[in-house]
Amino acid sequence: MAGVMPQRGQQGRESERLRLDPFIIAGGDASPRDQRDLMERPFFSLSKAKRVAPILYEAGGQRVEIHGLAEHGMATIWDADVLIWAASQIVEAENGGLRTSRFLRFTPYQLLTAVGRATGSREYRLLKAAFARLQSTVIRTTIRNGEHWRRHQFSWINEWEERTTRDGRVEGMECVLPD
C-alpha cells in the first residue's frame, strides 16, 4: 500500500512480528513450571537494584557472560518469571495439540495473575521495565559441540510491543522469543 511504512524494530530492522504467526494466549491454568536450566547458572541479577556490572561465570570449560545496558540494567531473577510463564504457555499448548509460535500475544493481566502478581498500574509499569531488561540483556556463552567449541550470543526476547488505546489504556502485549 502506498504511504505505509513497514514496522521497524528498535535497531531499524524489520520487525519479526511481520513474518511470524502469533500464538495468542487464551488464558487457562498453565502455571509456571520449574525451570532448573534457568536457575543452574547465573543468567539473572539477584538484586532488585539496577545492575550493570557484568556477570562472568566459568565451570566445566563453559563460560557464560551476562551484560546489561546502563539504561535498563540486567534482567533480574523476578524478570525470569516472564520467560518461565511464556515457556509454560507454549508447552501447555503443544501438549494440547495446538500450534504455537515464538511470537506471543497476550494481556498483561494474564501474565501478572499467572505469576502471582498484583494488577495495578505500578505492576504494569514494572512489567514493561522487565520486558526492557529482558530485551537489552545480552548473554554470551561458549558451548562445547563434540571436539569443537562455539560462541553463542542472544537476548532473552528479540522484541516486544505494548498495544494501547488513545487514552493510554493497555489492550495487550506482544513479544518475540529467540529461536
C-alpha atoms as a PDB file:
ATOM      1  CA  MET A   1       0.000   0.000   0.000  1.00  0.00           C
ATOM      2  CA  ALA A   2       1.279   3.454  -0.819  1.00  0.00           C
ATOM      3  CA  GLY A   3       2.318   5.567   2.136  1.00  0.00           C
ATOM      4  CA  VAL A   4       2.549   2.690   4.621  1.00  0.00           C
ATOM      5  CA  MET A   5       5.982   2.135   6.133  1.00  0.00           C
ATOM      6  CA  PRO A   6       6.977  -1.378   7.254  1.00  0.00           C
ATOM      7  CA  GLN A   7       7.239  -1.764  11.015  1.00  0.00           C
ATOM      8  CA  ARG A   8      10.779  -1.483  12.281  1.00  0.00           C
ATOM      9  CA  GLY A   9      12.338  -2.884  15.434  1.00  0.00           C
ATOM     10  CA  GLN A  10      14.442  -0.827  17.808  1.00  0.00           C
ATOM     11  CA  GLN A  11      17.597  -1.158  15.682  1.00  0.00           C
ATOM     12  CA  GLY A  12      15.791  -0.115  12.484  1.00  0.00           C
ATOM     13  CA  ARG A  13      15.371  -3.611  11.061  1.00  0.00           C
ATOM     14  CA  GLU A  14      12.020  -5.025  10.010  1.00  0.00           C
ATOM     15  CA  SER A  15      10.009  -6.486  12.877  1.00  0.00           C
ATOM     16  CA  GLU A  16       9.951 -10.272  13.142  1.00  0.00           C
ATOM     17  CA  ARG A  17       6.272  -9.962  14.045  1.00  0.00           C
ATOM     18  CA  LEU A  18       5.560  -9.260  10.367  1.00  0.00           C
ATOM     19  CA  ARG A  19       6.872 -12.713   9.378  1.00  0.00           C
ATOM     20  CA  LEU A  20       5.524 -14.835  12.245  1.00  0.00           C
ATOM     21  CA  ASP A  21       2.015 -16.030  13.016  1.00  0.00           C
ATOM     22  CA  PRO A  22       1.044 -15.038  16.549  1.00  0.00           C
ATOM     23  CA  PHE A  23       0.462 -17.569  19.301  1.00  0.00           C
ATOM     24  CA  ILE A  24      -2.452 -15.982  21.128  1.00  0.00           C
ATOM     25  CA  ILE A  25      -2.512 -16.842  24.815  1.00  0.00           C
ATOM     26  CA  ALA A  26      -6.084 -17.865  25.525  1.00  0.00           C
ATOM     27  CA  GLY A  27      -5.839 -17.897  29.281  1.00  0.00           C
ATOM     28  CA  GLY A  28      -6.336 -21.103  31.129  1.00  0.00           C
ATOM     29  CA  ASP A  29      -4.468 -22.548  34.051  1.00  0.00           C
ATOM     30  CA  ALA A  30      -0.982 -23.185  32.666  1.00  0.00           C
ATOM     31  CA  SER A  31       1.166 -22.335  35.639  1.00  0.00           C
ATOM     32  CA  PRO A  32       4.856 -21.530  35.567  1.00  0.00           C
ATOM     33  CA  ARG A  33       6.859 -24.721  35.813  1.00  0.00           C
ATOM     34  CA  ASP A  34      10.174 -25.371  37.497  1.00  0.00           C
ATOM     35  CA  GLN A  35      12.879 -24.302  35.052  1.00  0.00           C
ATOM     36  CA  ARG A  36      16.121 -25.602  36.538  1.00  0.00           C
ATOM     37  CA  ASP A  37      18.115 -24.767  33.401  1.00  0.00           C
ATOM     38  CA  LEU A  38      17.473 -21.085  34.049  1.00  0.00           C
ATOM     39  CA  MET A  39      18.453 -21.409  37.695  1.00  0.00           C
ATOM     40  CA  GLU A  40      21.595 -23.568  37.407  1.00  0.00           C
ATOM     41  CA  ARG A  41      23.720 -20.721  36.049  1.00  0.00           C
ATOM     42  CA  PRO A  42      23.740 -17.037  36.987  1.00  0.00           C
ATOM     43  CA  PHE A  43      21.760 -15.776  33.989  1.00  0.00           C
ATOM     44  CA  PHE A  44      19.971 -13.107  36.048  1.00  0.00           C
ATOM     45  CA  SER A  45      20.815 -10.482  38.630  1.00  0.00           C
ATOM     46  CA  LEU A  46      19.609 -11.485  42.089  1.00  0.00           C
ATOM     47  CA  SER A  47      19.238  -7.858  43.149  1.00  0.00           C
ATOM     48  CA  LYS A  48      16.173  -5.690  42.706  1.00  0.00           C
ATOM     49  CA  ALA A  49      18.526  -2.717  42.313  1.00  0.00           C
ATOM     50  CA  LYS A  50      19.753  -1.949  38.791  1.00  0.00           C
ATOM     51  CA  ARG A  51      22.858  -3.972  37.968  1.00  0.00           C
ATOM     52  CA  VAL A  52      25.117  -3.071  35.066  1.00  0.00           C
ATOM     53  CA  ALA A  53      28.324  -4.806  36.196  1.00  0.00           C
ATOM     54  CA  PRO A  54      28.668  -7.953  34.042  1.00  0.00           C
ATOM     55  CA  ILE A  55      28.279 -11.434  35.482  1.00  0.00           C
ATOM     56  CA  LEU A  56      31.084 -13.782  34.440  1.00  0.00           C
ATOM     57  CA  TYR A  57      30.748 -17.493  35.185  1.00  0.00           C
ATOM     58  CA  GLU A  58      33.021 -20.405  34.280  1.00  0.00           C
ATOM     59  CA  ALA A  59      32.512 -24.079  35.093  1.00  0.00           C
ATOM     60  CA  GLY A  60      33.437 -27.292  33.332  1.00  0.00           C
ATOM     61  CA  GLY A  61      35.079 -25.413  30.494  1.00  0.00           C
ATOM     62  CA  GLN A  62      31.914 -23.476  29.757  1.00  0.00           C
ATOM     63  CA  ARG A  63      31.858 -19.697  30.055  1.00  0.00           C
ATOM     64  CA  VAL A  64      28.773 -17.526  30.459  1.00  0.00           C
ATOM     65  CA  GLU A  65      28.855 -13.718  30.327  1.00  0.00           C
ATOM     66  CA  ILE A  66      25.799 -11.604  31.062  1.00  0.00           C
ATOM     67  CA  HIS A  67      25.792  -7.903  30.198  1.00  0.00           C
ATOM     68  CA  GLY A  68      23.093  -5.309  30.868  1.00  0.00           C
ATOM     69  CA  LEU A  69      22.702  -1.871  29.320  1.00  0.00           C
ATOM     70  CA  ALA A  70      23.179   1.096  31.631  1.00  0.00           C
ATOM     71  CA  GLU A  71      19.742   2.452  30.646  1.00  0.00           C
ATOM     72  CA  HIS A  72      17.781  -0.582  31.892  1.00  0.00           C
ATOM     73  CA  GLY A  73      20.202  -2.740  33.848  1.00  0.00           C
ATOM     74  CA  MET A  74      20.447  -6.505  33.660  1.00  0.00           C
ATOM     75  CA  ALA A  75      17.410  -8.808  33.717  1.00  0.00           C
ATOM     76  CA  THR A  76      16.595  -9.862  37.279  1.00  0.00           C
ATOM     77  CA  ILE A  77      15.500 -13.138  38.786  1.00  0.00           C
ATOM     78  CA  TRP A  78      11.987 -11.614  39.028  1.00  0.00           C
ATOM     79  CA  ASP A  79      12.060 -10.923  35.278  1.00  0.00           C
ATOM     80  CA  ALA A  80      12.730 -14.634  34.730  1.00  0.00           C
ATOM     81  CA  ASP A  81       9.093 -15.246  35.744  1.00  0.00           C
ATOM     82  CA  VAL A  82       8.082 -13.783  32.360  1.00  0.00           C
ATOM     83  CA  LEU A  83      10.208 -16.346  30.494  1.00  0.00           C
ATOM     84  CA  ILE A  84       9.052 -19.227  32.671  1.00  0.00           C
ATOM     85  CA  TRP A  85       5.424 -18.184  32.107  1.00  0.00           C
ATOM     86  CA  ALA A  86       5.939 -17.929  28.329  1.00  0.00           C
ATOM     87  CA  ALA A  87       7.633 -21.340  28.165  1.00  0.00           C
ATOM     88  CA  SER A  88       4.847 -22.861  30.271  1.00  0.00           C
ATOM     89  CA  GLN A  89       2.186 -21.424  27.942  1.00  0.00           C
ATOM     90  CA  ILE A  90       3.928 -22.858  24.882  1.00  0.00           C
ATOM     91  CA  VAL A  91       4.467 -26.296  26.453  1.00  0.00           C
ATOM     92  CA  GLU A  92       0.868 -26.439  27.695  1.00  0.00           C
ATOM     93  CA  ALA A  93      -0.466 -25.549  24.228  1.00  0.00           C
ATOM     94  CA  GLU A  94       1.814 -28.068  22.487  1.00  0.00           C
ATOM     95  CA  ASN A  95       0.737 -30.763  24.953  1.00  0.00           C
ATOM     96  CA  GLY A  96      -2.846 -29.920  23.981  1.00  0.00           C
ATOM     97  CA  GLY A  97      -2.041 -30.339  20.289  1.00  0.00           C
ATOM     98  CA  LEU A  98      -2.198 -26.631  19.478  1.00  0.00           C
ATOM     99  CA  ARG A  99       0.096 -24.844  17.046  1.00  0.00           C
ATOM    100  CA  THR A 100       2.471 -22.410  18.731  1.00  0.00           C
ATOM    101  CA  SER A 101       4.874 -19.681  17.711  1.00  0.00           C
ATOM    102  CA  ARG A 102       7.693 -17.689  19.284  1.00  0.00           C
ATOM    103  CA  PHE A 103       5.531 -14.616  18.599  1.00  0.00           C
ATOM    104  CA  LEU A 104       3.285 -14.373  21.677  1.00  0.00           C
ATOM    105  CA  ARG A 105       0.198 -12.181  22.032  1.00  0.00           C
ATOM    106  CA  PHE A 106      -1.352 -11.784  25.488  1.00  0.00           C
ATOM    107  CA  THR A 107      -2.720  -9.312  28.002  1.00  0.00           C
ATOM    108  CA  PRO A 108      -0.579  -8.057  30.870  1.00  0.00           C
ATOM    109  CA  TYR A 109      -3.396  -9.163  33.191  1.00  0.00           C
ATOM    110  CA  GLN A 110      -2.984 -12.792  32.032  1.00  0.00           C
ATOM    111  CA  LEU A 111       0.737 -12.755  32.706  1.00  0.00           C
ATOM    112  CA  LEU A 112       0.599 -10.880  36.013  1.00  0.00           C
ATOM    113  CA  THR A 113      -2.122 -13.063  37.520  1.00  0.00           C
ATOM    114  CA  ALA A 114      -0.445 -16.281  36.329  1.00  0.00           C
ATOM    115  CA  VAL A 115       2.807 -15.392  38.104  1.00  0.00           C
ATOM    116  CA  GLY A 116       1.001 -14.304  41.264  1.00  0.00           C
ATOM    117  CA  ARG A 117       1.468 -10.555  40.970  1.00  0.00           C
ATOM    118  CA  ALA A 118      -0.987  -7.744  41.571  1.00  0.00           C
ATOM    119  CA  THR A 119      -2.562  -5.996  38.571  1.00  0.00           C
ATOM    120  CA  GLY A 120      -2.353  -2.316  39.476  1.00  0.00           C
ATOM    121  CA  SER A 121      -0.727   0.442  37.436  1.00  0.00           C
ATOM    122  CA  ARG A 122       2.564   0.011  39.338  1.00  0.00           C
ATOM    123  CA  GLU A 123       2.759  -3.650  38.319  1.00  0.00           C
ATOM    124  CA  TYR A 124       2.042  -2.752  34.685  1.00  0.00           C
ATOM    125  CA  ARG A 125       4.956  -0.260  34.784  1.00  0.00           C
ATOM    126  CA  LEU A 126       7.208  -2.879  36.403  1.00  0.00           C
ATOM    127  CA  LEU A 127       6.204  -5.401  33.728  1.00  0.00           C
ATOM    128  CA  LYS A 128       7.205  -3.014  30.940  1.00  0.00           C
ATOM    129  CA  ALA A 129      10.536  -2.412  32.691  1.00  0.00           C
ATOM    130  CA  ALA A 130      11.026  -6.196  32.918  1.00  0.00           C
ATOM    131  CA  PHE A 131      10.483  -6.537  29.164  1.00  0.00           C
ATOM    132  CA  ALA A 132      13.008  -3.749  28.511  1.00  0.00           C
ATOM    133  CA  ARG A 133      15.596  -5.552  30.681  1.00  0.00           C
ATOM    134  CA  LEU A 134      14.887  -8.942  29.088  1.00  0.00           C
ATOM    135  CA  GLN A 135      15.409  -7.482  25.623  1.00  0.00           C
ATOM    136  CA  SER A 136      18.512  -5.458  26.453  1.00  0.00           C
ATOM    137  CA  THR A 137      20.342  -8.112  28.491  1.00  0.00           C
ATOM    138  CA  VAL A 138      22.945  -9.895  26.358  1.00  0.00           C
ATOM    139  CA  ILE A 139      24.083 -13.435  27.182  1.00  0.00           C
ATOM    140  CA  ARG A 140      27.281 -14.831  25.663  1.00  0.00           C
ATOM    141  CA  THR A 141      28.126 -18.492  26.126  1.00  0.00           C
ATOM    142  CA  THR A 142      30.779 -20.891  24.957  1.00  0.00           C
ATOM    143  CA  ILE A 143      29.214 -24.224  24.112  1.00  0.00           C
ATOM    144  CA  ARG A 144      31.079 -27.441  23.513  1.00  0.00           C
ATOM    145  CA  ASN A 145      29.888 -29.387  20.488  1.00  0.00           C
ATOM    146  CA  GLY A 146      31.932 -32.590  20.334  1.00  0.00           C
ATOM    147  CA  GLU A 147      35.573 -31.613  19.860  1.00  0.00           C
ATOM    148  CA  HIS A 148      34.663 -28.073  18.843  1.00  0.00           C
ATOM    149  CA  TRP A 149      33.594 -25.021  20.783  1.00  0.00           C
ATOM    150  CA  ARG A 150      31.274 -22.311  19.600  1.00  0.00           C
ATOM    151  CA  ARG A 151      30.326 -18.937  20.966  1.00  0.00           C
ATOM    152  CA  HIS A 152      26.657 -18.025  21.065  1.00  0.00           C
ATOM    153  CA  GLN A 153      25.141 -14.631  21.885  1.00  0.00           C
ATOM    154  CA  PHE A 154      21.466 -13.837  22.436  1.00  0.00           C
ATOM    155  CA  SER A 155      18.953 -11.770  24.394  1.00  0.00           C
ATOM    156  CA  TRP A 156      16.044 -13.211  26.352  1.00  0.00           C
ATOM    157  CA  ILE A 157      13.482 -11.671  23.989  1.00  0.00           C
ATOM    158  CA  ASN A 158      14.008 -10.321  20.477  1.00  0.00           C
ATOM    159  CA  GLU A 159      11.370  -7.602  20.600  1.00  0.00           C
ATOM    160  CA  TRP A 160       8.201  -6.577  22.406  1.00  0.00           C
ATOM    161  CA  GLU A 161       5.367  -4.126  21.978  1.00  0.00           C
ATOM    162  CA  GLU A 162       2.596  -2.755  24.152  1.00  0.00           C
ATOM    163  CA  ARG A 163      -0.733  -2.003  22.487  1.00  0.00           C
ATOM    164  CA  THR A 164      -2.781   0.841  23.993  1.00  0.00           C
ATOM    165  CA  THR A 165      -5.874   2.878  23.246  1.00  0.00           C
ATOM    166  CA  ARG A 166      -5.669   6.621  22.545  1.00  0.00           C
ATOM    167  CA  ASP A 167      -6.353   7.334  26.212  1.00  0.00           C
ATOM    168  CA  GLY A 168      -3.441   5.100  27.287  1.00  0.00           C
ATOM    169  CA  ARG A 169      -5.375   2.009  28.416  1.00  0.00           C
ATOM    170  CA  VAL A 170      -3.343  -1.128  27.772  1.00  0.00           C
ATOM    171  CA  GLU A 171      -5.084  -3.533  25.382  1.00  0.00           C
ATOM    172  CA  GLY A 172      -2.388  -6.152  25.076  1.00  0.00           C
ATOM    173  CA  MET A 173       1.240  -7.020  24.631  1.00  0.00           C
ATOM    174  CA  GLU A 174       3.272  -8.919  22.071  1.00  0.00           C
ATOM    175  CA  CYS A 175       6.763 -10.333  22.239  1.00  0.00           C
ATOM    176  CA  VAL A 176       9.029 -12.446  20.071  1.00  0.00           C
ATOM    177  CA  LEU A 177      11.193 -15.044  21.783  1.00  0.00           C
ATOM    178  CA  PRO A 178      14.564 -16.012  20.288  1.00  0.00           C
ATOM    179  CA  ASP A 179      14.976 -19.207  18.243  1.00  0.00           C
END
